[in-house]
N, C-alpha and C. Protein backbone atom coordinates (compact mmCIF):
# COMPACT_ATOMS: atom_id res chain seq x y z
N MET A 1 -4.82 -40.80 -41.61
CA MET A 1 -3.98 -39.68 -41.26
C MET A 1 -4.58 -38.99 -40.04
N GLN A 2 -3.73 -38.62 -39.06
CA GLN A 2 -4.19 -37.94 -37.87
C GLN A 2 -3.43 -36.64 -37.73
N ASN A 3 -4.09 -35.58 -37.25
CA ASN A 3 -3.48 -34.27 -37.04
C ASN A 3 -3.63 -33.86 -35.59
N GLU A 4 -2.71 -33.08 -35.11
CA GLU A 4 -2.89 -32.41 -33.84
C GLU A 4 -1.81 -31.37 -33.69
N SER A 5 -2.13 -30.29 -33.01
CA SER A 5 -1.16 -29.29 -32.65
C SER A 5 -0.87 -29.46 -31.17
N THR A 6 0.38 -29.47 -30.82
CA THR A 6 0.72 -29.66 -29.42
C THR A 6 0.94 -28.31 -28.77
N GLY A 7 1.09 -28.32 -27.48
CA GLY A 7 1.37 -27.10 -26.75
C GLY A 7 2.78 -26.62 -27.06
N PRO A 8 3.17 -25.51 -26.47
CA PRO A 8 4.48 -24.92 -26.77
C PRO A 8 5.63 -25.88 -26.48
N THR A 9 6.60 -25.92 -27.40
CA THR A 9 7.81 -26.70 -27.16
C THR A 9 8.94 -25.76 -26.78
N SER A 10 8.72 -24.47 -26.92
CA SER A 10 9.63 -23.46 -26.44
C SER A 10 8.75 -22.31 -25.99
N ILE A 11 9.33 -21.22 -25.64
CA ILE A 11 8.54 -20.10 -25.14
C ILE A 11 7.57 -19.59 -26.20
N THR A 12 7.97 -19.59 -27.47
CA THR A 12 7.13 -18.97 -28.48
C THR A 12 6.65 -19.89 -29.59
N ALA A 13 7.08 -21.12 -29.63
CA ALA A 13 6.73 -21.94 -30.78
C ALA A 13 6.10 -23.26 -30.38
N ARG A 14 5.24 -23.75 -31.24
CA ARG A 14 4.71 -25.10 -31.07
C ARG A 14 4.94 -25.84 -32.37
N ARG A 15 4.84 -27.14 -32.29
CA ARG A 15 5.04 -27.99 -33.46
C ARG A 15 3.72 -28.62 -33.85
N HIS A 16 3.51 -28.69 -35.14
CA HIS A 16 2.31 -29.35 -35.64
C HIS A 16 2.67 -30.81 -35.92
N HIS A 17 1.78 -31.72 -35.56
CA HIS A 17 2.01 -33.15 -35.74
C HIS A 17 1.01 -33.73 -36.71
N VAL A 18 1.49 -34.58 -37.59
CA VAL A 18 0.66 -35.35 -38.50
C VAL A 18 1.19 -36.77 -38.45
N GLN A 19 0.30 -37.75 -38.50
CA GLN A 19 0.72 -39.15 -38.51
C GLN A 19 0.18 -39.82 -39.77
N ASP A 20 0.99 -40.71 -40.32
CA ASP A 20 0.55 -41.52 -41.45
C ASP A 20 1.40 -42.79 -41.48
N TYR A 21 0.82 -43.83 -42.06
CA TYR A 21 1.51 -45.10 -42.18
C TYR A 21 2.41 -45.14 -43.41
N VAL A 22 3.51 -45.88 -43.29
CA VAL A 22 4.34 -46.21 -44.44
C VAL A 22 3.56 -47.25 -45.24
N ARG A 23 3.27 -46.93 -46.48
CA ARG A 23 2.40 -47.77 -47.31
C ARG A 23 3.23 -48.63 -48.28
N TRP A 24 2.56 -49.59 -48.88
CA TRP A 24 3.22 -50.50 -49.82
C TRP A 24 3.93 -49.73 -50.93
N SER A 25 3.31 -48.69 -51.45
CA SER A 25 3.93 -47.91 -52.53
C SER A 25 5.11 -47.06 -52.06
N ASP A 26 5.32 -46.96 -50.74
CA ASP A 26 6.40 -46.15 -50.17
C ASP A 26 7.71 -46.91 -50.01
N VAL A 27 7.68 -48.24 -50.15
CA VAL A 27 8.85 -49.05 -49.80
C VAL A 27 9.46 -49.73 -51.02
N ASP A 28 10.71 -50.16 -50.83
CA ASP A 28 11.37 -50.96 -51.86
C ASP A 28 11.12 -52.44 -51.58
N VAL A 29 11.77 -53.30 -52.32
CA VAL A 29 11.53 -54.75 -52.21
C VAL A 29 11.88 -55.29 -50.82
N SER A 30 12.76 -54.61 -50.09
CA SER A 30 13.14 -55.07 -48.75
C SER A 30 12.16 -54.61 -47.68
N GLY A 31 11.16 -53.80 -48.06
CA GLY A 31 10.19 -53.31 -47.09
C GLY A 31 10.62 -52.05 -46.37
N ILE A 32 11.74 -51.45 -46.81
CA ILE A 32 12.25 -50.22 -46.21
C ILE A 32 11.82 -49.04 -47.07
N ILE A 33 11.43 -47.96 -46.41
CA ILE A 33 10.96 -46.77 -47.11
C ILE A 33 12.00 -46.26 -48.11
N ARG A 34 11.51 -45.89 -49.29
CA ARG A 34 12.38 -45.29 -50.30
C ARG A 34 12.67 -43.84 -49.92
N TRP A 35 13.85 -43.35 -50.24
CA TRP A 35 14.28 -42.00 -49.88
C TRP A 35 13.28 -40.95 -50.36
N GLY A 36 12.84 -41.04 -51.60
CA GLY A 36 11.94 -40.05 -52.17
C GLY A 36 10.58 -39.98 -51.50
N THR A 37 10.21 -41.02 -50.79
CA THR A 37 8.91 -41.04 -50.11
C THR A 37 8.85 -40.02 -48.99
N TYR A 38 9.99 -39.68 -48.42
CA TYR A 38 9.99 -38.69 -47.35
C TYR A 38 9.39 -37.37 -47.83
N VAL A 39 9.55 -37.06 -49.10
CA VAL A 39 8.97 -35.83 -49.65
C VAL A 39 7.45 -35.86 -49.47
N ARG A 40 6.82 -37.01 -49.71
CA ARG A 40 5.37 -37.12 -49.54
C ARG A 40 4.96 -36.82 -48.10
N PHE A 41 5.68 -37.39 -47.15
CA PHE A 41 5.35 -37.16 -45.75
C PHE A 41 5.52 -35.69 -45.36
N VAL A 42 6.61 -35.08 -45.80
CA VAL A 42 6.87 -33.68 -45.47
C VAL A 42 5.84 -32.78 -46.14
N GLU A 43 5.51 -33.06 -47.40
CA GLU A 43 4.51 -32.25 -48.09
C GLU A 43 3.15 -32.35 -47.39
N MET A 44 2.79 -33.53 -46.92
CA MET A 44 1.53 -33.69 -46.19
C MET A 44 1.56 -32.85 -44.91
N ALA A 45 2.67 -32.91 -44.17
CA ALA A 45 2.78 -32.13 -42.93
C ALA A 45 2.75 -30.63 -43.21
N GLU A 46 3.43 -30.20 -44.27
CA GLU A 46 3.41 -28.79 -44.66
C GLU A 46 1.98 -28.33 -44.95
N THR A 47 1.26 -29.11 -45.73
CA THR A 47 -0.11 -28.78 -46.08
C THR A 47 -0.98 -28.66 -44.84
N GLU A 48 -0.83 -29.59 -43.91
CA GLU A 48 -1.65 -29.58 -42.70
C GLU A 48 -1.25 -28.47 -41.73
N LEU A 49 0.03 -28.09 -41.72
CA LEU A 49 0.46 -26.95 -40.90
C LEU A 49 -0.23 -25.68 -41.39
N PHE A 50 -0.23 -25.46 -42.70
CA PHE A 50 -0.88 -24.26 -43.24
C PHE A 50 -2.39 -24.30 -42.99
N ARG A 51 -3.00 -25.47 -43.10
CA ARG A 51 -4.44 -25.60 -42.81
C ARG A 51 -4.70 -25.25 -41.34
N ALA A 52 -3.87 -25.77 -40.42
CA ALA A 52 -4.03 -25.49 -38.99
C ALA A 52 -3.86 -24.01 -38.68
N ALA A 53 -3.02 -23.33 -39.47
CA ALA A 53 -2.79 -21.90 -39.29
C ALA A 53 -3.90 -21.05 -39.91
N GLY A 54 -4.85 -21.70 -40.57
CA GLY A 54 -5.96 -20.95 -41.17
C GLY A 54 -5.78 -20.58 -42.62
N PHE A 55 -4.75 -21.14 -43.25
CA PHE A 55 -4.48 -20.86 -44.66
C PHE A 55 -4.34 -22.15 -45.45
N PRO A 56 -5.44 -22.89 -45.66
CA PRO A 56 -5.34 -24.09 -46.49
C PRO A 56 -4.88 -23.72 -47.89
N TYR A 57 -4.04 -24.55 -48.46
CA TYR A 57 -3.50 -24.25 -49.78
C TYR A 57 -4.58 -24.07 -50.84
N ALA A 58 -5.74 -24.67 -50.67
CA ALA A 58 -6.81 -24.52 -51.66
C ALA A 58 -7.29 -23.07 -51.79
N THR A 59 -7.10 -22.28 -50.73
CA THR A 59 -7.56 -20.88 -50.77
C THR A 59 -6.44 -19.87 -50.58
N LEU A 60 -5.30 -20.29 -50.09
CA LEU A 60 -4.20 -19.37 -49.78
C LEU A 60 -3.79 -18.53 -50.98
N TRP A 61 -3.64 -19.15 -52.13
CA TRP A 61 -3.12 -18.45 -53.31
C TRP A 61 -4.02 -17.27 -53.69
N ASP A 62 -5.32 -17.50 -53.72
CA ASP A 62 -6.24 -16.43 -54.09
C ASP A 62 -6.36 -15.38 -52.99
N ARG A 63 -6.36 -15.81 -51.74
CA ARG A 63 -6.50 -14.87 -50.63
C ARG A 63 -5.32 -13.92 -50.53
N LEU A 64 -4.12 -14.41 -50.77
CA LEU A 64 -2.91 -13.59 -50.59
C LEU A 64 -2.26 -13.15 -51.90
N ASP A 65 -2.73 -13.67 -53.02
CA ASP A 65 -2.22 -13.35 -54.35
C ASP A 65 -0.72 -13.63 -54.48
N ILE A 66 -0.30 -14.77 -53.92
CA ILE A 66 1.11 -15.20 -54.01
C ILE A 66 1.15 -16.68 -54.38
N TRP A 67 2.34 -17.13 -54.73
CA TRP A 67 2.67 -18.55 -54.81
C TRP A 67 3.74 -18.79 -53.76
N LEU A 68 3.89 -20.02 -53.33
CA LEU A 68 4.94 -20.40 -52.37
C LEU A 68 5.72 -21.59 -52.91
N PRO A 69 6.52 -21.39 -53.95
CA PRO A 69 7.28 -22.52 -54.48
C PRO A 69 8.34 -22.99 -53.49
N ARG A 70 8.61 -24.27 -53.55
CA ARG A 70 9.68 -24.86 -52.75
C ARG A 70 11.00 -24.64 -53.49
N VAL A 71 11.97 -24.09 -52.79
CA VAL A 71 13.25 -23.80 -53.44
C VAL A 71 14.39 -24.63 -52.87
N GLN A 72 14.15 -25.27 -51.72
CA GLN A 72 15.21 -26.10 -51.14
C GLN A 72 14.57 -27.17 -50.28
N PHE A 73 15.12 -28.39 -50.35
CA PHE A 73 14.67 -29.50 -49.51
C PHE A 73 15.92 -30.21 -49.03
N HIS A 74 16.07 -30.32 -47.73
CA HIS A 74 17.23 -31.00 -47.16
C HIS A 74 16.73 -32.10 -46.23
N LEU A 75 17.28 -33.30 -46.38
CA LEU A 75 16.88 -34.44 -45.58
C LEU A 75 18.11 -35.17 -45.06
N ASP A 76 18.11 -35.42 -43.76
CA ASP A 76 19.13 -36.28 -43.15
C ASP A 76 18.44 -37.56 -42.73
N TYR A 77 18.80 -38.65 -43.37
CA TYR A 77 18.24 -39.97 -43.12
C TYR A 77 18.92 -40.54 -41.88
N ARG A 78 18.15 -40.97 -40.87
CA ARG A 78 18.72 -41.42 -39.61
C ARG A 78 18.51 -42.91 -39.33
N ASN A 79 17.31 -43.43 -39.62
CA ASN A 79 16.97 -44.79 -39.22
C ASN A 79 15.86 -45.27 -40.15
N PRO A 80 16.01 -46.41 -40.79
CA PRO A 80 15.02 -46.80 -41.80
C PRO A 80 13.62 -47.02 -41.24
N ALA A 81 12.64 -46.42 -41.90
CA ALA A 81 11.24 -46.69 -41.58
C ALA A 81 10.83 -47.88 -42.44
N ARG A 82 9.90 -48.66 -41.94
CA ARG A 82 9.50 -49.89 -42.62
C ARG A 82 8.00 -49.91 -42.90
N LEU A 83 7.63 -50.80 -43.80
CA LEU A 83 6.24 -50.98 -44.19
C LEU A 83 5.33 -51.09 -42.97
N ASP A 84 4.25 -50.35 -42.99
CA ASP A 84 3.20 -50.34 -41.97
C ASP A 84 3.57 -49.64 -40.67
N GLU A 85 4.74 -49.04 -40.56
CA GLU A 85 5.04 -48.26 -39.36
C GLU A 85 4.27 -46.94 -39.44
N LEU A 86 3.74 -46.53 -38.31
CA LEU A 86 3.04 -45.26 -38.21
C LEU A 86 4.06 -44.19 -37.86
N LEU A 87 4.33 -43.30 -38.81
CA LEU A 87 5.30 -42.23 -38.57
C LEU A 87 4.60 -41.00 -38.02
N ASP A 88 5.27 -40.34 -37.09
CA ASP A 88 4.82 -39.05 -36.54
C ASP A 88 5.70 -37.99 -37.18
N ILE A 89 5.09 -37.08 -37.90
CA ILE A 89 5.83 -36.01 -38.57
C ILE A 89 5.58 -34.73 -37.78
N GLU A 90 6.64 -34.14 -37.25
CA GLU A 90 6.57 -32.86 -36.56
C GLU A 90 7.06 -31.80 -37.53
N ILE A 91 6.34 -30.69 -37.62
CA ILE A 91 6.76 -29.60 -38.50
C ILE A 91 6.51 -28.28 -37.79
N TRP A 92 7.42 -27.35 -38.01
CA TRP A 92 7.30 -26.02 -37.42
C TRP A 92 8.08 -25.05 -38.29
N VAL A 93 7.88 -23.77 -38.03
CA VAL A 93 8.57 -22.73 -38.79
C VAL A 93 9.86 -22.40 -38.04
N GLY A 94 10.99 -22.70 -38.67
CA GLY A 94 12.27 -22.43 -38.06
C GLY A 94 12.71 -20.99 -38.22
N ARG A 95 12.28 -20.37 -39.33
CA ARG A 95 12.72 -19.00 -39.60
C ARG A 95 11.83 -18.40 -40.68
N ILE A 96 11.53 -17.12 -40.52
CA ILE A 96 10.86 -16.37 -41.58
C ILE A 96 11.74 -15.18 -41.92
N GLY A 97 12.13 -15.11 -43.18
CA GLY A 97 12.89 -13.96 -43.67
C GLY A 97 11.94 -12.98 -44.35
N ARG A 98 12.48 -12.11 -45.15
CA ARG A 98 11.64 -11.13 -45.85
C ARG A 98 10.65 -11.83 -46.77
N SER A 99 11.17 -12.75 -47.59
CA SER A 99 10.31 -13.44 -48.55
C SER A 99 10.33 -14.95 -48.40
N SER A 100 11.13 -15.47 -47.50
CA SER A 100 11.26 -16.93 -47.38
C SER A 100 10.76 -17.45 -46.03
N ILE A 101 10.35 -18.70 -46.05
CA ILE A 101 9.92 -19.40 -44.85
C ILE A 101 10.67 -20.73 -44.82
N ARG A 102 11.35 -20.98 -43.73
CA ARG A 102 12.06 -22.25 -43.57
C ARG A 102 11.27 -23.12 -42.60
N LEU A 103 10.81 -24.25 -43.11
CA LEU A 103 10.06 -25.20 -42.31
C LEU A 103 10.99 -26.32 -41.87
N GLU A 104 11.04 -26.58 -40.58
CA GLU A 104 11.86 -27.65 -40.02
C GLU A 104 10.95 -28.86 -39.79
N PHE A 105 11.51 -30.05 -39.90
CA PHE A 105 10.68 -31.24 -39.68
C PHE A 105 11.48 -32.39 -39.09
N LEU A 106 10.77 -33.24 -38.36
CA LEU A 106 11.28 -34.50 -37.83
C LEU A 106 10.29 -35.58 -38.19
N LEU A 107 10.77 -36.75 -38.56
CA LEU A 107 9.92 -37.92 -38.77
C LEU A 107 10.34 -38.96 -37.76
N LYS A 108 9.40 -39.35 -36.91
CA LYS A 108 9.71 -40.30 -35.83
C LYS A 108 8.96 -41.60 -36.03
N LYS A 109 9.64 -42.67 -35.69
CA LYS A 109 9.07 -44.02 -35.76
C LYS A 109 8.33 -44.31 -34.46
N PRO A 110 7.53 -45.38 -34.46
CA PRO A 110 6.89 -45.78 -33.20
C PRO A 110 7.97 -45.97 -32.13
N GLY A 111 7.72 -45.50 -30.95
CA GLY A 111 8.72 -45.57 -29.89
C GLY A 111 9.60 -44.33 -29.83
N GLY A 112 9.49 -43.44 -30.81
CA GLY A 112 10.20 -42.18 -30.77
C GLY A 112 11.54 -42.13 -31.48
N ASP A 113 12.01 -43.27 -32.04
CA ASP A 113 13.28 -43.23 -32.77
C ASP A 113 13.16 -42.31 -33.98
N LEU A 114 14.20 -41.54 -34.22
CA LEU A 114 14.21 -40.59 -35.33
C LEU A 114 14.49 -41.33 -36.64
N ALA A 115 13.57 -41.21 -37.60
CA ALA A 115 13.76 -41.80 -38.93
C ALA A 115 14.50 -40.83 -39.84
N ALA A 116 14.12 -39.56 -39.78
CA ALA A 116 14.74 -38.54 -40.64
C ALA A 116 14.43 -37.17 -40.07
N GLU A 117 15.24 -36.20 -40.48
CA GLU A 117 15.03 -34.80 -40.09
C GLU A 117 15.54 -33.92 -41.22
N GLY A 118 15.08 -32.69 -41.24
CA GLY A 118 15.55 -31.78 -42.27
C GLY A 118 14.77 -30.49 -42.28
N TYR A 119 14.82 -29.84 -43.44
CA TYR A 119 14.11 -28.58 -43.60
C TYR A 119 13.71 -28.38 -45.05
N LEU A 120 12.76 -27.49 -45.20
CA LEU A 120 12.21 -27.13 -46.50
C LEU A 120 12.13 -25.62 -46.53
N VAL A 121 12.57 -25.00 -47.63
CA VAL A 121 12.48 -23.55 -47.78
C VAL A 121 11.51 -23.24 -48.89
N ILE A 122 10.54 -22.37 -48.58
CA ILE A 122 9.59 -21.89 -49.58
C ILE A 122 9.74 -20.38 -49.68
N VAL A 123 9.42 -19.83 -50.84
CA VAL A 123 9.58 -18.40 -51.07
C VAL A 123 8.27 -17.81 -51.55
N SER A 124 7.93 -16.67 -51.01
CA SER A 124 6.73 -15.94 -51.41
C SER A 124 7.03 -15.17 -52.69
N ILE A 125 6.27 -15.48 -53.75
CA ILE A 125 6.47 -14.77 -55.02
C ILE A 125 5.14 -14.22 -55.53
N ASP A 126 5.25 -13.15 -56.30
CA ASP A 126 4.10 -12.54 -56.94
C ASP A 126 3.54 -13.48 -58.00
N ARG A 127 2.25 -13.64 -58.04
CA ARG A 127 1.64 -14.58 -58.99
C ARG A 127 1.72 -14.08 -60.43
N ASN A 128 1.88 -12.80 -60.64
CA ASN A 128 1.91 -12.26 -62.00
C ASN A 128 3.30 -12.27 -62.63
N ASN A 129 4.33 -11.91 -61.83
CA ASN A 129 5.66 -11.80 -62.44
C ASN A 129 6.70 -12.74 -61.84
N ALA A 130 6.31 -13.57 -60.89
CA ALA A 130 7.18 -14.57 -60.26
C ALA A 130 8.39 -13.96 -59.54
N ARG A 131 8.30 -12.71 -59.16
CA ARG A 131 9.37 -12.07 -58.38
C ARG A 131 9.07 -12.23 -56.89
N SER A 132 10.12 -12.35 -56.10
CA SER A 132 9.92 -12.52 -54.66
C SER A 132 9.25 -11.26 -54.09
N VAL A 133 8.38 -11.50 -53.11
CA VAL A 133 7.69 -10.41 -52.41
C VAL A 133 7.74 -10.73 -50.92
N ASP A 134 7.49 -9.73 -50.10
CA ASP A 134 7.43 -9.94 -48.66
C ASP A 134 6.39 -11.02 -48.33
N VAL A 135 6.70 -11.82 -47.32
CA VAL A 135 5.70 -12.75 -46.82
C VAL A 135 4.54 -11.89 -46.30
N PRO A 136 3.33 -12.10 -46.78
CA PRO A 136 2.21 -11.25 -46.36
C PRO A 136 1.98 -11.30 -44.85
N LYS A 137 1.66 -10.15 -44.28
CA LYS A 137 1.47 -10.03 -42.84
C LYS A 137 0.41 -11.01 -42.31
N PRO A 138 -0.72 -11.20 -43.00
CA PRO A 138 -1.68 -12.18 -42.45
C PRO A 138 -1.08 -13.58 -42.32
N LEU A 139 -0.20 -13.95 -43.22
CA LEU A 139 0.44 -15.27 -43.14
C LEU A 139 1.47 -15.28 -42.01
N LEU A 140 2.23 -14.19 -41.86
CA LEU A 140 3.18 -14.08 -40.74
C LEU A 140 2.45 -14.26 -39.42
N ASP A 141 1.33 -13.56 -39.28
CA ASP A 141 0.56 -13.62 -38.04
C ASP A 141 0.03 -15.03 -37.80
N ALA A 142 -0.47 -15.67 -38.84
CA ALA A 142 -1.04 -17.01 -38.71
C ALA A 142 0.02 -18.05 -38.34
N LEU A 143 1.25 -17.89 -38.85
CA LEU A 143 2.33 -18.84 -38.57
C LEU A 143 3.08 -18.54 -37.29
N ALA A 144 2.83 -17.38 -36.68
CA ALA A 144 3.58 -16.97 -35.49
C ALA A 144 3.59 -18.02 -34.37
N PRO A 145 2.47 -18.68 -34.07
CA PRO A 145 2.52 -19.68 -32.99
C PRO A 145 3.44 -20.86 -33.28
N TYR A 146 3.75 -21.10 -34.54
CA TYR A 146 4.59 -22.24 -34.96
C TYR A 146 6.02 -21.82 -35.27
N THR A 147 6.37 -20.56 -34.98
CA THR A 147 7.65 -19.99 -35.40
C THR A 147 8.63 -19.90 -34.24
N THR A 148 9.86 -20.42 -34.46
CA THR A 148 10.89 -20.35 -33.42
C THR A 148 11.68 -19.07 -33.47
N SER A 149 11.84 -18.47 -34.66
CA SER A 149 12.55 -17.19 -34.76
C SER A 149 12.13 -16.49 -36.03
N THR A 150 12.12 -15.18 -35.98
CA THR A 150 11.78 -14.38 -37.14
C THR A 150 12.86 -13.34 -37.32
N SER A 151 13.41 -13.25 -38.50
CA SER A 151 14.39 -12.22 -38.79
C SER A 151 13.66 -10.90 -38.92
N PRO A 152 14.25 -9.83 -38.41
CA PRO A 152 13.61 -8.54 -38.59
C PRO A 152 13.58 -8.19 -40.07
N ARG A 153 12.49 -7.62 -40.50
CA ARG A 153 12.40 -7.18 -41.89
C ARG A 153 13.29 -5.97 -42.08
N PRO A 154 14.00 -5.90 -43.21
CA PRO A 154 14.82 -4.72 -43.44
C PRO A 154 13.94 -3.48 -43.60
N SER A 155 14.43 -2.36 -43.07
CA SER A 155 13.71 -1.12 -43.25
C SER A 155 13.83 -0.64 -44.67
N PRO A 156 12.78 -0.01 -45.22
CA PRO A 156 12.90 0.50 -46.58
C PRO A 156 13.93 1.61 -46.62
N PRO A 157 14.61 1.78 -47.76
CA PRO A 157 15.61 2.84 -47.86
C PRO A 157 14.96 4.20 -47.69
N LYS A 158 15.68 5.09 -47.01
CA LYS A 158 15.19 6.46 -46.85
C LYS A 158 15.48 7.24 -48.13
N GLY A 159 14.75 8.29 -48.33
CA GLY A 159 14.94 9.10 -49.54
C GLY A 159 16.38 9.45 -49.79
N GLY A 160 16.85 9.20 -51.00
CA GLY A 160 18.21 9.53 -51.39
C GLY A 160 19.25 8.51 -50.99
N GLU A 161 18.88 7.45 -50.23
CA GLU A 161 19.85 6.44 -49.82
C GLU A 161 19.64 5.16 -50.60
N GLY A 162 20.22 5.03 -51.72
CA GLY A 162 20.12 3.80 -52.51
C GLY A 162 18.74 3.64 -53.13
N ALA A 163 18.61 2.61 -53.95
CA ALA A 163 17.34 2.42 -54.63
C ALA A 163 16.47 1.40 -53.96
C-alpha cells in the first residue's frame, strides 16, 4: 500500500491518494473485482485520509470523545478492475455539515481509467448517548486542506426564539 497527498486540485482542496492491488480474495471466478470489495478500498482510503490529517482512528475516538459511524455509502461502478491491477484511490472531503462529513472518492485503474466513484457519509455522534453532535473544531481544522466546501454552521437560537 502506498500513500501520498497531492497538491491542490482546486483553490482550497487537495485529494489524498492511496494505492493498493486487487487481490485474489477481491475477485470472482472471472478475475473481476467483486462489488463489495470496493468498500475495503474506500475504507482504507478513509482511514489513511484521517491519519494524514493528524487524526488516526486508533486515537481519534478518545481524543475527541465521538464516534463517526458510516450512515451512507454510494458507489457508481464504471469499469471492471481485475486481479493484480494497482488501483489509485483518491479521497477528499466534499462537504462538512453541522454533524456530518461527506467523503468523495474515485478509484482509478492503471492508465487512469475510472473503475468506480462515489461518496461516503459519516456522522459525528456522542460516545455516551449516540446522539449527533457538531463535528469537533479540531477535526474541522485538520480536514480543511482536503475540503471542497463547508456549509456554514447554523447560529444557535437567540433567547426566546425557539428551543
